[in-house]
Amino acid sequence: MTAQTEPKTNETTEQIRTVQARLGLSQKEMAMYLGVPHGTLCNWLQGTREPSVVVKRLLYVLGTVEALAPALHSALVPERK
């Protein structure tokens, strides 16, 4: 029998989860929001890959836009189908 281990998390992964929950996005919508393939996002959330420095900066910029220009930010959030 194999023991299951908790997925590795890091600060950026937690930030991605927080943003996803705050915006109410599915994983596919979150991937679209960040401009990455769905599989890439899944790898980050599972802890098998770590987001690059570029993604970390993008999260910071998107958070700043969300805080300072909510109307502009809403145009960046994928529409629900």
N, C-alpha and C. Protein backbone atom coordinates (compact mmCIF):
# COMPACT_ATOMS: atom_id res chain seq x y z
N MET A 1 0.85 -1.18 0.00
CA MET A 1 0.00 0.00 0.00
C MET A 1 0.90 1.24 0.00
N THR A 2 0.58 2.21 -0.82
CA THR A 2 1.37 3.44 -0.89
C THR A 2 0.72 4.53 -0.05
N ALA A 3 1.55 5.23 0.66
CA ALA A 3 1.05 6.35 1.46
C ALA A 3 0.91 7.57 0.56
N GLN A 4 -0.22 8.23 0.67
CA GLN A 4 -0.42 9.45 -0.09
C GLN A 4 0.20 10.60 0.67
N THR A 5 0.87 11.47 -0.07
CA THR A 5 1.47 12.63 0.57
C THR A 5 0.70 13.87 0.17
N GLU A 6 0.76 14.85 1.03
CA GLU A 6 0.13 16.14 0.74
C GLU A 6 0.87 16.79 -0.42
N PRO A 7 0.14 17.44 -1.34
CA PRO A 7 0.85 18.15 -2.41
C PRO A 7 1.67 19.29 -1.84
N LYS A 8 2.82 19.52 -2.48
CA LYS A 8 3.67 20.62 -2.04
C LYS A 8 2.98 21.93 -2.39
N THR A 9 3.03 22.87 -1.49
CA THR A 9 2.49 24.19 -1.78
C THR A 9 3.57 25.22 -1.51
N ASN A 10 3.43 26.33 -2.16
CA ASN A 10 4.34 27.44 -1.92
C ASN A 10 3.49 28.70 -1.88
N GLU A 11 4.14 29.79 -1.63
CA GLU A 11 3.41 31.06 -1.48
C GLU A 11 2.63 31.43 -2.75
N THR A 12 3.24 31.22 -3.91
CA THR A 12 2.56 31.57 -5.16
C THR A 12 1.37 30.67 -5.41
N THR A 13 1.50 29.38 -5.13
CA THR A 13 0.38 28.45 -5.29
C THR A 13 -0.78 28.87 -4.41
N GLU A 14 -0.49 29.23 -3.18
CA GLU A 14 -1.53 29.69 -2.27
C GLU A 14 -2.16 30.99 -2.78
N GLN A 15 -1.35 31.86 -3.33
CA GLN A 15 -1.87 33.11 -3.89
C GLN A 15 -2.80 32.82 -5.07
N ILE A 16 -2.43 31.87 -5.91
CA ILE A 16 -3.28 31.49 -7.04
C ILE A 16 -4.61 30.96 -6.53
N ARG A 17 -4.57 30.09 -5.53
CA ARG A 17 -5.82 29.54 -4.97
C ARG A 17 -6.69 30.65 -4.36
N THR A 18 -6.05 31.59 -3.69
CA THR A 18 -6.79 32.69 -3.06
C THR A 18 -7.48 33.55 -4.12
N VAL A 19 -6.74 33.90 -5.16
CA VAL A 19 -7.31 34.73 -6.25
C VAL A 19 -8.44 33.97 -6.93
N GLN A 20 -8.22 32.69 -7.21
CA GLN A 20 -9.25 31.88 -7.86
C GLN A 20 -10.52 31.85 -7.03
N ALA A 21 -10.40 31.66 -5.74
CA ALA A 21 -11.58 31.63 -4.86
C ALA A 21 -12.24 33.00 -4.79
N ARG A 22 -11.44 34.06 -4.66
CA ARG A 22 -12.00 35.40 -4.55
C ARG A 22 -12.77 35.79 -5.80
N LEU A 23 -12.26 35.41 -6.97
CA LEU A 23 -12.93 35.76 -8.22
C LEU A 23 -14.00 34.75 -8.60
N GLY A 24 -14.06 33.63 -7.89
CA GLY A 24 -15.07 32.60 -8.17
C GLY A 24 -14.85 31.92 -9.51
N LEU A 25 -13.59 31.67 -9.85
CA LEU A 25 -13.26 31.08 -11.15
C LEU A 25 -13.03 29.58 -11.02
N SER A 26 -13.42 28.85 -12.05
CA SER A 26 -13.07 27.43 -12.14
C SER A 26 -11.60 27.34 -12.49
N GLN A 27 -11.05 26.14 -12.47
CA GLN A 27 -9.64 25.99 -12.84
C GLN A 27 -9.41 26.40 -14.30
N LYS A 28 -10.32 26.02 -15.18
CA LYS A 28 -10.16 26.40 -16.59
C LYS A 28 -10.22 27.92 -16.75
N GLU A 29 -11.13 28.56 -16.04
CA GLU A 29 -11.24 30.02 -16.11
C GLU A 29 -9.99 30.69 -15.52
N MET A 30 -9.46 30.12 -14.45
CA MET A 30 -8.26 30.68 -13.84
C MET A 30 -7.08 30.56 -14.80
N ALA A 31 -6.99 29.44 -15.49
CA ALA A 31 -5.92 29.26 -16.48
C ALA A 31 -6.05 30.31 -17.58
N MET A 32 -7.27 30.57 -18.03
CA MET A 32 -7.49 31.60 -19.05
C MET A 32 -7.10 32.97 -18.51
N TYR A 33 -7.45 33.25 -17.27
CA TYR A 33 -7.14 34.53 -16.62
C TYR A 33 -5.63 34.76 -16.61
N LEU A 34 -4.87 33.70 -16.34
CA LEU A 34 -3.42 33.82 -16.29
C LEU A 34 -2.76 33.63 -17.65
N GLY A 35 -3.54 33.17 -18.63
CA GLY A 35 -2.99 32.98 -19.97
C GLY A 35 -2.08 31.76 -20.09
N VAL A 36 -2.41 30.71 -19.35
CA VAL A 36 -1.62 29.47 -19.39
C VAL A 36 -2.54 28.30 -19.70
N PRO A 37 -1.98 27.20 -20.21
CA PRO A 37 -2.81 26.00 -20.41
C PRO A 37 -3.35 25.47 -19.09
N HIS A 38 -4.52 24.85 -19.15
CA HIS A 38 -5.15 24.29 -17.96
C HIS A 38 -4.22 23.29 -17.27
N GLY A 39 -3.52 22.46 -18.03
CA GLY A 39 -2.61 21.48 -17.45
C GLY A 39 -1.49 22.12 -16.64
N THR A 40 -1.02 23.26 -17.11
CA THR A 40 0.03 23.99 -16.39
C THR A 40 -0.49 24.45 -15.04
N LEU A 41 -1.68 25.02 -15.03
CA LEU A 41 -2.27 25.46 -13.77
C LEU A 41 -2.44 24.27 -12.82
N CYS A 42 -2.91 23.15 -13.33
CA CYS A 42 -3.09 21.96 -12.49
C CYS A 42 -1.76 21.52 -11.89
N ASN A 43 -0.69 21.56 -12.68
CA ASN A 43 0.63 21.20 -12.15
C ASN A 43 1.04 22.12 -11.01
N TRP A 44 0.77 23.41 -11.15
CA TRP A 44 1.09 24.36 -10.08
C TRP A 44 0.29 24.05 -8.82
N LEU A 45 -1.01 23.81 -9.01
CA LEU A 45 -1.88 23.58 -7.85
C LEU A 45 -1.56 22.26 -7.16
N GLN A 46 -1.08 21.28 -7.92
CA GLN A 46 -0.72 19.99 -7.34
C GLN A 46 0.68 19.99 -6.74
N GLY A 47 1.44 21.04 -7.04
CA GLY A 47 2.79 21.14 -6.50
C GLY A 47 3.83 20.39 -7.28
N THR A 48 3.48 19.89 -8.48
CA THR A 48 4.47 19.18 -9.28
C THR A 48 5.36 20.14 -10.06
N ARG A 49 4.91 21.35 -10.26
CA ARG A 49 5.69 22.40 -10.91
C ARG A 49 5.49 23.69 -10.13
N GLU A 50 6.46 24.57 -10.23
CA GLU A 50 6.34 25.87 -9.56
C GLU A 50 6.19 26.96 -10.62
N PRO A 51 5.27 27.91 -10.38
CA PRO A 51 5.12 29.01 -11.33
C PRO A 51 6.42 29.81 -11.46
N SER A 52 6.63 30.34 -12.64
CA SER A 52 7.85 31.12 -12.90
C SER A 52 7.77 32.50 -12.24
N VAL A 53 8.86 33.19 -12.27
CA VAL A 53 8.93 34.55 -11.75
C VAL A 53 7.97 35.45 -12.53
N VAL A 54 7.80 35.19 -13.81
CA VAL A 54 6.89 35.98 -14.63
C VAL A 54 5.46 35.85 -14.12
N VAL A 55 5.05 34.65 -13.77
CA VAL A 55 3.69 34.43 -13.25
C VAL A 55 3.54 35.12 -11.90
N LYS A 56 4.56 35.06 -11.08
CA LYS A 56 4.51 35.74 -9.78
C LYS A 56 4.32 37.24 -9.98
N ARG A 57 5.03 37.81 -10.93
CA ARG A 57 4.90 39.24 -11.23
C ARG A 57 3.51 39.53 -11.79
N LEU A 58 3.01 38.66 -12.66
CA LEU A 58 1.68 38.84 -13.24
C LEU A 58 0.61 38.87 -12.15
N LEU A 59 0.71 37.97 -11.18
CA LEU A 59 -0.25 37.96 -10.07
C LEU A 59 -0.20 39.27 -9.30
N TYR A 60 0.99 39.79 -9.10
CA TYR A 60 1.14 41.07 -8.41
C TYR A 60 0.48 42.19 -9.22
N VAL A 61 0.76 42.24 -10.51
CA VAL A 61 0.20 43.29 -11.37
C VAL A 61 -1.32 43.19 -11.44
N LEU A 62 -1.84 41.97 -11.61
CA LEU A 62 -3.29 41.80 -11.67
C LEU A 62 -3.95 42.21 -10.35
N GLY A 63 -3.31 41.90 -9.23
CA GLY A 63 -3.84 42.33 -7.93
C GLY A 63 -3.86 43.84 -7.80
N THR A 64 -2.82 44.48 -8.31
CA THR A 64 -2.76 45.94 -8.27
C THR A 64 -3.85 46.55 -9.14
N VAL A 65 -4.03 46.00 -10.34
CA VAL A 65 -5.08 46.49 -11.24
C VAL A 65 -6.45 46.28 -10.60
N GLU A 66 -6.64 45.11 -9.97
CA GLU A 66 -7.92 44.83 -9.31
C GLU A 66 -8.22 45.85 -8.22
N ALA A 67 -7.20 46.24 -7.47
CA ALA A 67 -7.39 47.19 -6.37
C ALA A 67 -7.56 48.62 -6.85
N LEU A 68 -6.80 49.02 -7.86
CA LEU A 68 -6.79 50.42 -8.29
C LEU A 68 -7.77 50.74 -9.42
N ALA A 69 -8.07 49.75 -10.23
CA ALA A 69 -8.94 49.98 -11.39
C ALA A 69 -9.88 48.79 -11.57
N PRO A 70 -10.87 48.66 -10.67
CA PRO A 70 -11.75 47.49 -10.72
C PRO A 70 -12.48 47.32 -12.05
N ALA A 71 -12.87 48.42 -12.69
CA ALA A 71 -13.57 48.31 -13.96
C ALA A 71 -12.65 47.73 -15.03
N LEU A 72 -11.42 48.16 -15.05
CA LEU A 72 -10.44 47.62 -15.99
C LEU A 72 -10.19 46.15 -15.69
N HIS A 73 -10.04 45.81 -14.42
CA HIS A 73 -9.79 44.44 -14.03
C HIS A 73 -10.93 43.52 -14.44
N SER A 74 -12.16 43.98 -14.31
CA SER A 74 -13.30 43.12 -14.66
C SER A 74 -13.27 42.73 -16.13
N ALA A 75 -12.66 43.55 -16.97
CA ALA A 75 -12.54 43.21 -18.39
C ALA A 75 -11.53 42.09 -18.60
N LEU A 76 -10.65 41.85 -17.63
CA LEU A 76 -9.64 40.81 -17.75
C LEU A 76 -10.11 39.45 -17.26
N VAL A 77 -11.17 39.45 -16.47
CA VAL A 77 -11.69 38.21 -15.90
C VAL A 77 -12.53 37.49 -16.95
N PRO A 78 -12.27 36.19 -17.19
CA PRO A 78 -13.05 35.46 -18.19
C PRO A 78 -14.54 35.48 -17.87
N GLU A 79 -15.35 35.63 -18.91
CA GLU A 79 -16.81 35.62 -18.74
C GLU A 79 -17.30 34.22 -18.48
N ARG A 80 -18.29 34.11 -17.64
CA ARG A 80 -18.94 32.81 -17.38
C ARG A 80 -19.84 32.46 -18.55
N LYS A 81 -19.84 31.18 -18.89
CA LYS A 81 -20.67 30.73 -20.01
C LYS A 81 -21.99 30.21 -19.54
